[in-house]
Amino acid sequence: MIPFEQTQQDVAEVKKELKELKALLQSNAKQQSQTDDPLTIDEIVKLTGYTKPTIYGYCQKNEIPHHKKNGRLFFFKTEIIDWIKEGKQKTVKELQVSVDTFLSNKNKR
């Protein structure tokens, strides 16, 4: 049987952790709403370092994620960051691992 004092301590600890978790969730929700706000092309120029004509060209070719409403362009930061990450170039070490994996699989056949 658990002593009453221990139960009180356990409940107090759970309450404390619950408050911390709630604060963390609220903080994440605020950050999420900020990153989900649509951005203008000027903000995308600042974020990416590309010029406006380059961004417009990417939009025209559907190479950059964008949304169009009533003739205006909108962008979402998370989509733009994901788009940028798609262009990641492998390091020499990553390439070597890929080659080694490919060759070892080829030799097993």
PDB file of N, CA and C in Angstrom:
ATOM      1  N   MET A   1       0.837  -1.173   0.000  1.00  0.00           N
ATOM      2  CA  MET A   1       0.000   0.000   0.000  1.00  0.00           C
ATOM      3  C   MET A   1       0.891   1.248   0.000  1.00  0.00           C
ATOM      4  N   ILE A   2       0.531   2.238  -0.820  1.00  0.00           N
ATOM      5  CA  ILE A   2       1.301   3.472  -0.947  1.00  0.00           C
ATOM      6  C   ILE A   2       0.875   4.428   0.168  1.00  0.00           C
ATOM      7  N   PRO A   3       1.847   5.003   0.866  1.00  0.00           N
ATOM      8  CA  PRO A   3       1.504   5.957   1.918  1.00  0.00           C
ATOM      9  C   PRO A   3       0.831   7.204   1.334  1.00  0.00           C
ATOM     10  N   PHE A   4      -0.043   7.816   2.113  1.00  0.00           N
ATOM     11  CA  PHE A   4      -0.797   8.990   1.681  1.00  0.00           C
ATOM     12  C   PHE A   4       0.122  10.136   1.275  1.00  0.00           C
ATOM     13  N   GLU A   5       1.196  10.338   2.023  1.00  0.00           N
ATOM     14  CA  GLU A   5       2.129  11.421   1.720  1.00  0.00           C
ATOM     15  C   GLU A   5       2.754  11.241   0.338  1.00  0.00           C
ATOM     16  N   GLN A   6       3.081   9.996   0.012  1.00  0.00           N
ATOM     17  CA  GLN A   6       3.669   9.700  -1.299  1.00  0.00           C
ATOM     18  C   GLN A   6       2.657   9.993  -2.409  1.00  0.00           C
ATOM     19  N   THR A   7       1.408   9.658  -2.170  1.00  0.00           N
ATOM     20  CA  THR A   7       0.352   9.923  -3.152  1.00  0.00           C
ATOM     21  C   THR A   7       0.222  11.421  -3.398  1.00  0.00           C
ATOM     22  N   GLN A   8       0.263  12.210  -2.323  1.00  0.00           N
ATOM     23  CA  GLN A   8       0.175  13.668  -2.472  1.00  0.00           C
ATOM     24  C   GLN A   8       1.352  14.202  -3.288  1.00  0.00           C
ATOM     25  N   GLN A   9       2.544  13.692  -3.039  1.00  0.00           N
ATOM     26  CA  GLN A   9       3.725  14.123  -3.784  1.00  0.00           C
ATOM     27  C   GLN A   9       3.593  13.752  -5.257  1.00  0.00           C
ATOM     28  N   ASP A  10       3.091  12.554  -5.514  1.00  0.00           N
ATOM     29  CA  ASP A  10       2.919  12.095  -6.891  1.00  0.00           C
ATOM     30  C   ASP A  10       1.917  12.973  -7.633  1.00  0.00           C
ATOM     31  N   VAL A  11       0.806  13.311  -6.963  1.00  0.00           N
ATOM     32  CA  VAL A  11      -0.218  14.156  -7.577  1.00  0.00           C
ATOM     33  C   VAL A  11       0.355  15.546  -7.858  1.00  0.00           C
ATOM     34  N   ALA A  12       1.109  16.094  -6.921  1.00  0.00           N
ATOM     35  CA  ALA A  12       1.715  17.404  -7.108  1.00  0.00           C
ATOM     36  C   ALA A  12       2.683  17.384  -8.287  1.00  0.00           C
ATOM     37  N   GLU A  13       3.454  16.318  -8.425  1.00  0.00           N
ATOM     38  CA  GLU A  13       4.403  16.196  -9.527  1.00  0.00           C
ATOM     39  C   GLU A  13       3.666  16.090 -10.865  1.00  0.00           C
ATOM     40  N   VAL A  14       2.593  15.328 -10.895  1.00  0.00           N
ATOM     41  CA  VAL A  14       1.812  15.190 -12.124  1.00  0.00           C
ATOM     42  C   VAL A  14       1.201  16.540 -12.510  1.00  0.00           C
ATOM     43  N   LYS A  15       0.694  17.288 -11.530  1.00  0.00           N
ATOM     44  CA  LYS A  15       0.122  18.607 -11.797  1.00  0.00           C
ATOM     45  C   LYS A  15       1.180  19.535 -12.395  1.00  0.00           C
ATOM     46  N   LYS A  16       2.371  19.511 -11.830  1.00  0.00           N
ATOM     47  CA  LYS A  16       3.460  20.359 -12.300  1.00  0.00           C
ATOM     48  C   LYS A  16       3.814  20.020 -13.746  1.00  0.00           C
ATOM     49  N   GLU A  17       3.950  18.734 -14.022  1.00  0.00           N
ATOM     50  CA  GLU A  17       4.293  18.297 -15.373  1.00  0.00           C
ATOM     51  C   GLU A  17       3.180  18.625 -16.359  1.00  0.00           C
ATOM     52  N   LEU A  18       1.934  18.535 -15.908  1.00  0.00           N
ATOM     53  CA  LEU A  18       0.796  18.858 -16.762  1.00  0.00           C
ATOM     54  C   LEU A  18       0.798  20.342 -17.124  1.00  0.00           C
ATOM     55  N   LYS A  19       1.118  21.195 -16.152  1.00  0.00           N
ATOM     56  CA  LYS A  19       1.206  22.634 -16.419  1.00  0.00           C
ATOM     57  C   LYS A  19       2.315  22.925 -17.427  1.00  0.00           C
ATOM     58  N   GLU A  20       3.468  22.253 -17.272  1.00  0.00           N
ATOM     59  CA  GLU A  20       4.585  22.450 -18.204  1.00  0.00           C
ATOM     60  C   GLU A  20       4.201  22.002 -19.612  1.00  0.00           C
ATOM     61  N   LEU A  21       3.507  20.879 -19.686  1.00  0.00           N
ATOM     62  CA  LEU A  21       3.072  20.354 -20.976  1.00  0.00           C
ATOM     63  C   LEU A  21       2.072  21.299 -21.635  1.00  0.00           C
ATOM     64  N   LYS A  22       1.154  21.829 -20.856  1.00  0.00           N
ATOM     65  CA  LYS A  22       0.163  22.769 -21.373  1.00  0.00           C
ATOM     66  C   LYS A  22       0.850  24.028 -21.910  1.00  0.00           C
ATOM     67  N   ALA A  23       1.825  24.546 -21.165  1.00  0.00           N
ATOM     68  CA  ALA A  23       2.555  25.735 -21.605  1.00  0.00           C
ATOM     69  C   ALA A  23       3.310  25.458 -22.901  1.00  0.00           C
ATOM     70  N   LEU A  24       3.904  24.283 -22.999  1.00  0.00           N
ATOM     71  CA  LEU A  24       4.639  23.913 -24.205  1.00  0.00           C
ATOM     72  C   LEU A  24       3.699  23.802 -25.407  1.00  0.00           C
ATOM     73  N   LEU A  25       2.539  23.192 -25.212  1.00  0.00           N
ATOM     74  CA  LEU A  25       1.563  23.063 -26.297  1.00  0.00           C
ATOM     75  C   LEU A  25       1.064  24.429 -26.755  1.00  0.00           C
ATOM     76  N   GLN A  26       0.812  25.327 -25.814  1.00  0.00           N
ATOM     77  CA  GLN A  26       0.366  26.672 -26.174  1.00  0.00           C
ATOM     78  C   GLN A  26       1.448  27.422 -26.941  1.00  0.00           C
ATOM     79  N   SER A  27       2.684  27.260 -26.520  1.00  0.00           N
ATOM     80  CA  SER A  27       3.805  27.899 -27.199  1.00  0.00           C
ATOM     81  C   SER A  27       3.933  27.382 -28.629  1.00  0.00           C
ATOM     82  N   ASN A  28       3.824  26.078 -28.788  1.00  0.00           N
ATOM     83  CA  ASN A  28       3.906  25.476 -30.127  1.00  0.00           C
ATOM     84  C   ASN A  28       2.749  25.924 -31.001  1.00  0.00           C
ATOM     85  N   ALA A  29       1.556  26.054 -30.414  1.00  0.00           N
ATOM     86  CA  ALA A  29       0.389  26.496 -31.176  1.00  0.00           C
ATOM     87  C   ALA A  29       0.587  27.922 -31.678  1.00  0.00           C
ATOM     88  N   LYS A  30       1.174  28.790 -30.845  1.00  0.00           N
ATOM     89  CA  LYS A  30       1.439  30.166 -31.271  1.00  0.00           C
ATOM     90  C   LYS A  30       2.452  30.186 -32.411  1.00  0.00           C
ATOM     91  N   GLN A  31       3.514  29.386 -32.271  1.00  0.00           N
ATOM     92  CA  GLN A  31       4.535  29.337 -33.319  1.00  0.00           C
ATOM     93  C   GLN A  31       3.947  28.792 -34.607  1.00  0.00           C
ATOM     94  N   GLN A  32       3.089  27.774 -34.489  1.00  0.00           N
ATOM     95  CA  GLN A  32       2.474  27.160 -35.668  1.00  0.00           C
ATOM     96  C   GLN A  32       1.592  28.168 -36.385  1.00  0.00           C
ATOM     97  N   SER A  33       0.813  28.944 -35.639  1.00  0.00           N
ATOM     98  CA  SER A  33      -0.062  29.916 -36.281  1.00  0.00           C
ATOM     99  C   SER A  33       0.759  31.002 -36.974  1.00  0.00           C
ATOM    100  N   GLN A  34       1.905  31.337 -36.416  1.00  0.00           N
ATOM    101  CA  GLN A  34       2.752  32.341 -37.046  1.00  0.00           C
ATOM    102  C   GLN A  34       3.364  31.813 -38.335  1.00  0.00           C
ATOM    103  N   THR A  35       3.746  30.546 -38.357  1.00  0.00           N
ATOM    104  CA  THR A  35       4.350  29.991 -39.572  1.00  0.00           C
ATOM    105  C   THR A  35       3.289  29.636 -40.607  1.00  0.00           C
ATOM    106  N   ASP A  36       2.030  29.554 -40.205  1.00  0.00           N
ATOM    107  CA  ASP A  36       0.961  29.230 -41.146  1.00  0.00           C
ATOM    108  C   ASP A  36       0.318  30.469 -41.751  1.00  0.00           C
ATOM    109  N   ASP A  37       0.745  31.663 -41.320  1.00  0.00           N
ATOM    110  CA  ASP A  37       0.224  32.879 -41.915  1.00  0.00           C
ATOM    111  C   ASP A  37       0.791  33.000 -43.322  1.00  0.00           C
ATOM    112  N   PRO A  38      -0.048  33.385 -44.280  1.00  0.00           N
ATOM    113  CA  PRO A  38       0.468  33.526 -45.645  1.00  0.00           C
ATOM    114  C   PRO A  38       1.462  34.680 -45.728  1.00  0.00           C
ATOM    115  N   LEU A  39       2.480  34.478 -46.563  1.00  0.00           N
ATOM    116  CA  LEU A  39       3.524  35.482 -46.765  1.00  0.00           C
ATOM    117  C   LEU A  39       3.374  36.099 -48.146  1.00  0.00           C
ATOM    118  N   THR A  40       3.852  37.316 -48.273  1.00  0.00           N
ATOM    119  CA  THR A  40       3.833  38.001 -49.565  1.00  0.00           C
ATOM    120  C   THR A  40       5.092  37.662 -50.344  1.00  0.00           C
ATOM    121  N   ILE A  41       5.091  38.059 -51.592  1.00  0.00           N
ATOM    122  CA  ILE A  41       6.275  37.796 -52.411  1.00  0.00           C
ATOM    123  C   ILE A  41       7.487  38.544 -51.867  1.00  0.00           C
ATOM    124  N   ASP A  42       7.269  39.744 -51.313  1.00  0.00           N
ATOM    125  CA  ASP A  42       8.394  40.494 -50.742  1.00  0.00           C
ATOM    126  C   ASP A  42       9.025  39.738 -49.576  1.00  0.00           C
ATOM    127  N   GLU A  43       8.193  39.085 -48.766  1.00  0.00           N
ATOM    128  CA  GLU A  43       8.711  38.301 -47.643  1.00  0.00           C
ATOM    129  C   GLU A  43       9.455  37.063 -48.139  1.00  0.00           C
ATOM    130  N   ILE A  44       8.990  36.497 -49.241  1.00  0.00           N
ATOM    131  CA  ILE A  44       9.663  35.328 -49.827  1.00  0.00           C
ATOM    132  C   ILE A  44      11.002  35.738 -50.428  1.00  0.00           C
ATOM    133  N   VAL A  45      11.063  36.930 -51.001  1.00  0.00           N
ATOM    134  CA  VAL A  45      12.334  37.451 -51.525  1.00  0.00           C
ATOM    135  C   VAL A  45      13.345  37.544 -50.387  1.00  0.00           C
ATOM    136  N   LYS A  46      12.918  38.074 -49.241  1.00  0.00           N
ATOM    137  CA  LYS A  46      13.809  38.184 -48.088  1.00  0.00           C
ATOM    138  C   LYS A  46      14.215  36.815 -47.555  1.00  0.00           C
ATOM    139  N   LEU A  47      13.253  35.893 -47.525  1.00  0.00           N
ATOM    140  CA  LEU A  47      13.511  34.553 -46.988  1.00  0.00           C
ATOM    141  C   LEU A  47      14.481  33.764 -47.858  1.00  0.00           C
ATOM    142  N   THR A  48      14.285  33.822 -49.164  1.00  0.00           N
ATOM    143  CA  THR A  48      15.079  32.979 -50.065  1.00  0.00           C
ATOM    144  C   THR A  48      16.315  33.662 -50.625  1.00  0.00           C
ATOM    145  N   GLY A  49      16.265  34.982 -50.739  1.00  0.00           N
ATOM    146  CA  GLY A  49      17.371  35.688 -51.367  1.00  0.00           C
ATOM    147  C   GLY A  49      17.237  35.786 -52.878  1.00  0.00           C
ATOM    148  N   TYR A  50      16.176  35.207 -53.444  1.00  0.00           N
ATOM    149  CA  TYR A  50      15.921  35.322 -54.878  1.00  0.00           C
ATOM    150  C   TYR A  50      15.290  36.675 -55.174  1.00  0.00           C
ATOM    151  N   THR A  51      15.410  37.126 -56.396  1.00  0.00           N
ATOM    152  CA  THR A  51      14.778  38.380 -56.795  1.00  0.00           C
ATOM    153  C   THR A  51      13.300  38.128 -57.089  1.00  0.00           C
ATOM    154  N   LYS A  52      12.533  39.228 -57.131  1.00  0.00           N
ATOM    155  CA  LYS A  52      11.102  39.107 -57.446  1.00  0.00           C
ATOM    156  C   LYS A  52      10.878  38.459 -58.812  1.00  0.00           C
ATOM    157  N   PRO A  53      11.588  38.899 -59.851  1.00  0.00           N
ATOM    158  CA  PRO A  53      11.371  38.259 -61.157  1.00  0.00           C
ATOM    159  C   PRO A  53      11.661  36.756 -61.138  1.00  0.00           C
ATOM    160  N   THR A  54      12.664  36.350 -60.370  1.00  0.00           N
ATOM    161  CA  THR A  54      12.982  34.919 -60.271  1.00  0.00           C
ATOM    162  C   THR A  54      11.828  34.171 -59.617  1.00  0.00           C
ATOM    163  N   ILE A  55      11.290  34.736 -58.529  1.00  0.00           N
ATOM    164  CA  ILE A  55      10.158  34.097 -57.838  1.00  0.00           C
ATOM    165  C   ILE A  55       8.959  34.019 -58.766  1.00  0.00           C
ATOM    166  N   TYR A  56       8.656  35.123 -59.478  1.00  0.00           N
ATOM    167  CA  TYR A  56       7.538  35.102 -60.426  1.00  0.00           C
ATOM    168  C   TYR A  56       7.752  34.035 -61.497  1.00  0.00           C
ATOM    169  N   GLY A  57       8.985  33.909 -61.967  1.00  0.00           N
ATOM    170  CA  GLY A  57       9.292  32.882 -62.972  1.00  0.00           C
ATOM    171  C   GLY A  57       9.067  31.478 -62.439  1.00  0.00           C
ATOM    172  N   TYR A  58       9.501  31.245 -61.197  1.00  0.00           N
ATOM    173  CA  TYR A  58       9.269  29.939 -60.581  1.00  0.00           C
ATOM    174  C   TYR A  58       7.776  29.659 -60.437  1.00  0.00           C
ATOM    175  N   CYS A  59       7.012  30.680 -60.101  1.00  0.00           N
ATOM    176  CA  CYS A  59       5.555  30.510 -59.969  1.00  0.00           C
ATOM    177  C   CYS A  59       4.934  30.179 -61.322  1.00  0.00           C
ATOM    178  N   GLN A  60       5.378  30.890 -62.353  1.00  0.00           N
ATOM    179  CA  GLN A  60       4.836  30.676 -63.689  1.00  0.00           C
ATOM    180  C   GLN A  60       5.104  29.252 -64.171  1.00  0.00           C
ATOM    181  N   LYS A  61       6.265  28.709 -63.797  1.00  0.00           N
ATOM    182  CA  LYS A  61       6.632  27.347 -64.195  1.00  0.00           C
ATOM    183  C   LYS A  61       6.176  26.298 -63.183  1.00  0.00           C
ATOM    184  N   ASN A  62       5.465  26.747 -62.137  1.00  0.00           N
ATOM    185  CA  ASN A  62       5.010  25.861 -61.054  1.00  0.00           C
ATOM    186  C   ASN A  62       6.164  25.107 -60.413  1.00  0.00           C
ATOM    187  N   GLU A  63       7.281  25.795 -60.221  1.00  0.00           N
ATOM    188  CA  GLU A  63       8.456  25.180 -59.601  1.00  0.00           C
ATOM    189  C   GLU A  63       8.548  25.488 -58.111  1.00  0.00           C
ATOM    190  N   ILE A  64       7.791  26.471 -57.650  1.00  0.00           N
ATOM    191  CA  ILE A  64       7.825  26.854 -56.243  1.00  0.00           C
ATOM    192  C   ILE A  64       6.388  26.740 -55.708  1.00  0.00           C
ATOM    193  N   PRO A  65       6.235  26.217 -54.484  1.00  0.00           N
ATOM    194  CA  PRO A  65       4.879  26.096 -53.949  1.00  0.00           C
ATOM    195  C   PRO A  65       4.278  27.480 -53.672  1.00  0.00           C
ATOM    196  N   HIS A  66       3.100  27.711 -54.249  1.00  0.00           N
ATOM    197  CA  HIS A  66       2.426  28.988 -54.045  1.00  0.00           C
ATOM    198  C   HIS A  66       0.917  28.790 -54.166  1.00  0.00           C
ATOM    199  N   HIS A  67       0.208  29.796 -53.741  1.00  0.00           N
ATOM    200  CA  HIS A  67      -1.252  29.792 -53.811  1.00  0.00           C
ATOM    201  C   HIS A  67      -1.673  31.092 -54.473  1.00  0.00           C
ATOM    202  N   LYS A  68      -2.715  31.020 -55.265  1.00  0.00           N
ATOM    203  CA  LYS A  68      -3.181  32.206 -55.961  1.00  0.00           C
ATOM    204  C   LYS A  68      -4.662  32.395 -55.640  1.00  0.00           C
ATOM    205  N   LYS A  69      -4.991  33.590 -55.169  1.00  0.00           N
ATOM    206  CA  LYS A  69      -6.380  33.898 -54.835  1.00  0.00           C
ATOM    207  C   LYS A  69      -6.668  35.306 -55.330  1.00  0.00           C
ATOM    208  N   ASN A  70      -7.693  35.432 -56.166  1.00  0.00           N
ATOM    209  CA  ASN A  70      -8.080  36.734 -56.721  1.00  0.00           C
ATOM    210  C   ASN A  70      -6.892  37.458 -57.361  1.00  0.00           C
ATOM    211  N   GLY A  71      -6.062  36.706 -58.060  1.00  0.00           N
ATOM    212  CA  GLY A  71      -4.941  37.290 -58.770  1.00  0.00           C
ATOM    213  C   GLY A  71      -3.734  37.629 -57.918  1.00  0.00           C
ATOM    214  N   ARG A  72      -3.787  37.306 -56.632  1.00  0.00           N
ATOM    215  CA  ARG A  72      -2.652  37.598 -55.745  1.00  0.00           C
ATOM    216  C   ARG A  72      -1.943  36.307 -55.388  1.00  0.00           C
ATOM    217  N   LEU A  73      -0.638  36.397 -55.226  1.00  0.00           N
ATOM    218  CA  LEU A  73       0.171  35.240 -54.841  1.00  0.00           C
ATOM    219  C   LEU A  73       0.359  35.208 -53.334  1.00  0.00           C
ATOM    220  N   PHE A  74       0.258  34.008 -52.773  1.00  0.00           N
ATOM    221  CA  PHE A  74       0.507  33.791 -51.355  1.00  0.00           C
ATOM    222  C   PHE A  74       1.431  32.592 -51.205  1.00  0.00           C
ATOM    223  N   PHE A  75       2.239  32.645 -50.168  1.00  0.00           N
ATOM    224  CA  PHE A  75       3.200  31.586 -49.901  1.00  0.00           C
ATOM    225  C   PHE A  75       3.114  31.237 -48.418  1.00  0.00           C
ATOM    226  N   PHE A  76       3.506  30.013 -48.084  1.00  0.00           N
ATOM    227  CA  PHE A  76       3.581  29.595 -46.695  1.00  0.00           C
ATOM    228  C   PHE A  76       5.018  29.208 -46.388  1.00  0.00           C
ATOM    229  N   LYS A  77       5.512  29.737 -45.288  1.00  0.00           N
ATOM    230  CA  LYS A  77       6.921  29.567 -44.934  1.00  0.00           C
ATOM    231  C   LYS A  77       7.325  28.097 -44.885  1.00  0.00           C
ATOM    232  N   THR A  78       6.482  27.258 -44.271  1.00  0.00           N
ATOM    233  CA  THR A  78       6.836  25.839 -44.153  1.00  0.00           C
ATOM    234  C   THR A  78       6.967  25.184 -45.526  1.00  0.00           C
ATOM    235  N   GLU A  79       6.080  25.564 -46.462  1.00  0.00           N
ATOM    236  CA  GLU A  79       6.170  24.992 -47.807  1.00  0.00           C
ATOM    237  C   GLU A  79       7.429  25.455 -48.526  1.00  0.00           C
ATOM    238  N   ILE A  80       7.779  26.720 -48.342  1.00  0.00           N
ATOM    239  CA  ILE A  80       8.979  27.254 -48.995  1.00  0.00           C
ATOM    240  C   ILE A  80      10.231  26.590 -48.425  1.00  0.00           C
ATOM    241  N   ILE A  81      10.274  26.422 -47.116  1.00  0.00           N
ATOM    242  CA  ILE A  81      11.433  25.773 -46.489  1.00  0.00           C
ATOM    243  C   ILE A  81      11.548  24.328 -46.960  1.00  0.00           C
ATOM    244  N   ASP A  82      10.408  23.620 -47.042  1.00  0.00           N
ATOM    245  CA  ASP A  82      10.436  22.246 -47.564  1.00  0.00           C
ATOM    246  C   ASP A  82      10.930  22.225 -49.009  1.00  0.00           C
ATOM    247  N   TRP A  83      10.499  23.192 -49.804  1.00  0.00           N
ATOM    248  CA  TRP A  83      10.923  23.291 -51.201  1.00  0.00           C
ATOM    249  C   TRP A  83      12.431  23.503 -51.292  1.00  0.00           C
ATOM    250  N   ILE A  84      12.947  24.359 -50.429  1.00  0.00           N
ATOM    251  CA  ILE A  84      14.391  24.608 -50.405  1.00  0.00           C
ATOM    252  C   ILE A  84      15.134  23.333 -50.024  1.00  0.00           C
ATOM    253  N   LYS A  85      14.611  22.605 -49.047  1.00  0.00           N
ATOM    254  CA  LYS A  85      15.270  21.378 -48.587  1.00  0.00           C
ATOM    255  C   LYS A  85      15.289  20.294 -49.658  1.00  0.00           C
ATOM    256  N   GLU A  86      14.340  20.327 -50.595  1.00  0.00           N
ATOM    257  CA  GLU A  86      14.318  19.332 -51.670  1.00  0.00           C
ATOM    258  C   GLU A  86      15.575  19.409 -52.531  1.00  0.00           C
ATOM    259  N   GLY A  87      16.207  20.565 -52.557  1.00  0.00           N
ATOM    260  CA  GLY A  87      17.389  20.749 -53.389  1.00  0.00           C
ATOM    261  C   GLY A  87      18.687  20.381 -52.701  1.00  0.00           C
ATOM    262  N   LYS A  88      18.609  19.665 -51.582  1.00  0.00           N
ATOM    263  CA  LYS A  88      19.815  19.312 -50.826  1.00  0.00           C
ATOM    264  C   LYS A  88      20.754  18.481 -51.686  1.00  0.00           C
ATOM    265  N   GLN A  89      22.010  18.888 -51.681  1.00  0.00           N
ATOM    266  CA  GLN A  89      23.046  18.146 -52.384  1.00  0.00           C
ATOM    267  C   GLN A  89      23.722  17.203 -51.400  1.00  0.00           C
ATOM    268  N   LYS A  90      23.929  15.973 -51.832  1.00  0.00           N
ATOM    269  CA  LYS A  90      24.572  14.998 -50.956  1.00  0.00           C
ATOM    270  C   LYS A  90      26.041  15.340 -50.760  1.00  0.00           C
ATOM    271  N   THR A  91      26.524  15.054 -49.558  1.00  0.00           N
ATOM    272  CA  THR A  91      27.946  15.241 -49.277  1.00  0.00           C
ATOM    273  C   THR A  91      28.721  14.091 -49.907  1.00  0.00           C
ATOM    274  N   VAL A  92      30.022  14.236 -49.956  1.00  0.00           N
ATOM    275  CA  VAL A  92      30.876  13.171 -50.510  1.00  0.00           C
ATOM    276  C   VAL A  92      30.671  11.885 -49.703  1.00  0.00           C
ATOM    277  N   LYS A  93      30.573  12.022 -48.393  1.00  0.00           N
ATOM    278  CA  LYS A  93      30.383  10.850 -47.536  1.00  0.00           C
ATOM    279  C   LYS A  93      29.041  10.168 -47.839  1.00  0.00           C
ATOM    280  N   GLU A  94      27.970  10.961 -48.002  1.00  0.00           N
ATOM    281  CA  GLU A  94      26.660  10.391 -48.319  1.00  0.00           C
ATOM    282  C   GLU A  94      26.677   9.695 -49.677  1.00  0.00           C
ATOM    283  N   LEU A  95      27.378  10.295 -50.634  1.00  0.00           N
ATOM    284  CA  LEU A  95      27.501   9.673 -51.951  1.00  0.00           C
ATOM    285  C   LEU A  95      28.253   8.347 -51.864  1.00  0.00           C
ATOM    286  N   GLN A  96      29.309   8.323 -51.067  1.00  0.00           N
ATOM    287  CA  GLN A  96      30.098   7.105 -50.910  1.00  0.00           C
ATOM    288  C   GLN A  96      29.246   5.989 -50.301  1.00  0.00           C
ATOM    289  N   VAL A  97      28.438   6.332 -49.300  1.00  0.00           N
ATOM    290  CA  VAL A  97      27.553   5.340 -48.675  1.00  0.00           C
ATOM    291  C   VAL A  97      26.550   4.821 -49.698  1.00  0.00           C
ATOM    292  N   SER A  98      25.997   5.724 -50.521  1.00  0.00           N
ATOM    293  CA  SER A  98      25.044   5.305 -51.556  1.00  0.00           C
ATOM    294  C   SER A  98      25.692   4.350 -52.550  1.00  0.00           C
ATOM    295  N   VAL A  99      26.897   4.688 -52.983  1.00  0.00           N
ATOM    296  CA  VAL A  99      27.619   3.836 -53.930  1.00  0.00           C
ATOM    297  C   VAL A  99      27.918   2.477 -53.305  1.00  0.00           C
ATOM    298  N   ASP A 100      28.404   2.475 -52.059  1.00  0.00           N
ATOM    299  CA  ASP A 100      28.711   1.221 -51.371  1.00  0.00           C
ATOM    300  C   ASP A 100      27.462   0.358 -51.227  1.00  0.00           C
ATOM    301  N   THR A 101      26.354   0.963 -50.876  1.00  0.00           N
ATOM    302  CA  THR A 101      25.093   0.229 -50.723  1.00  0.00           C
ATOM    303  C   THR A 101      24.654  -0.348 -52.059  1.00  0.00           C
ATOM    304  N   PHE A 102      24.731   0.472 -53.109  1.00  0.00           N
ATOM    305  CA  PHE A 102      24.342   0.015 -54.438  1.00  0.00           C
ATOM    306  C   PHE A 102      25.203  -1.157 -54.888  1.00  0.00           C
ATOM    307  N   LEU A 103      26.511  -1.022 -54.709  1.00  0.00           N
ATOM    308  CA  LEU A 103      27.407  -2.082 -55.158  1.00  0.00           C
ATOM    309  C   LEU A 103      27.242  -3.359 -54.347  1.00  0.00           C
ATOM    310  N   SER A 104      26.996  -3.217 -53.039  1.00  0.00           N
ATOM    311  CA  SER A 104      26.819  -4.415 -52.230  1.00  0.00           C
ATOM    312  C   SER A 104      25.512  -5.128 -52.599  1.00  0.00           C
ATOM    313  N   ASN A 105      24.483  -4.368 -52.925  1.00  0.00           N
ATOM    314  CA  ASN A 105      23.203  -4.977 -53.355  1.00  0.00           C
ATOM    315  C   ASN A 105      23.353  -5.623 -54.724  1.00  0.00           C
ATOM    316  N   LYS A 106      24.142  -5.008 -55.606  1.00  0.00           N
ATOM    317  CA  LYS A 106      24.349  -5.547 -56.935  1.00  0.00           C
ATOM    318  C   LYS A 106      25.131  -6.852 -56.891  1.00  0.00           C
ATOM    319  N   ASN A 107      26.112  -6.939 -55.965  1.00  0.00           N
ATOM    320  CA  ASN A 107      26.935  -8.133 -55.841  1.00  0.00           C
ATOM    321  C   ASN A 107      26.157  -9.295 -55.231  1.00  0.00           C
ATOM    322  N   LYS A 108      25.102  -9.016 -54.505  1.00  0.00           N
ATOM    323  CA  LYS A 108      24.301 -10.079 -53.865  1.00  0.00           C
ATOM    324  C   LYS A 108      23.428 -10.800 -54.874  1.00  0.00           C
ATOM    325  N   ARG A 109      23.193 -10.210 -56.014  1.00  0.00           N
ATOM    326  CA  ARG A 109      22.296 -10.804 -57.021  1.00  0.00           C
ATOM    327  C   ARG A 109      22.934 -11.912 -57.738  1.00  0.00           C
TER     328      ARG A 109
END
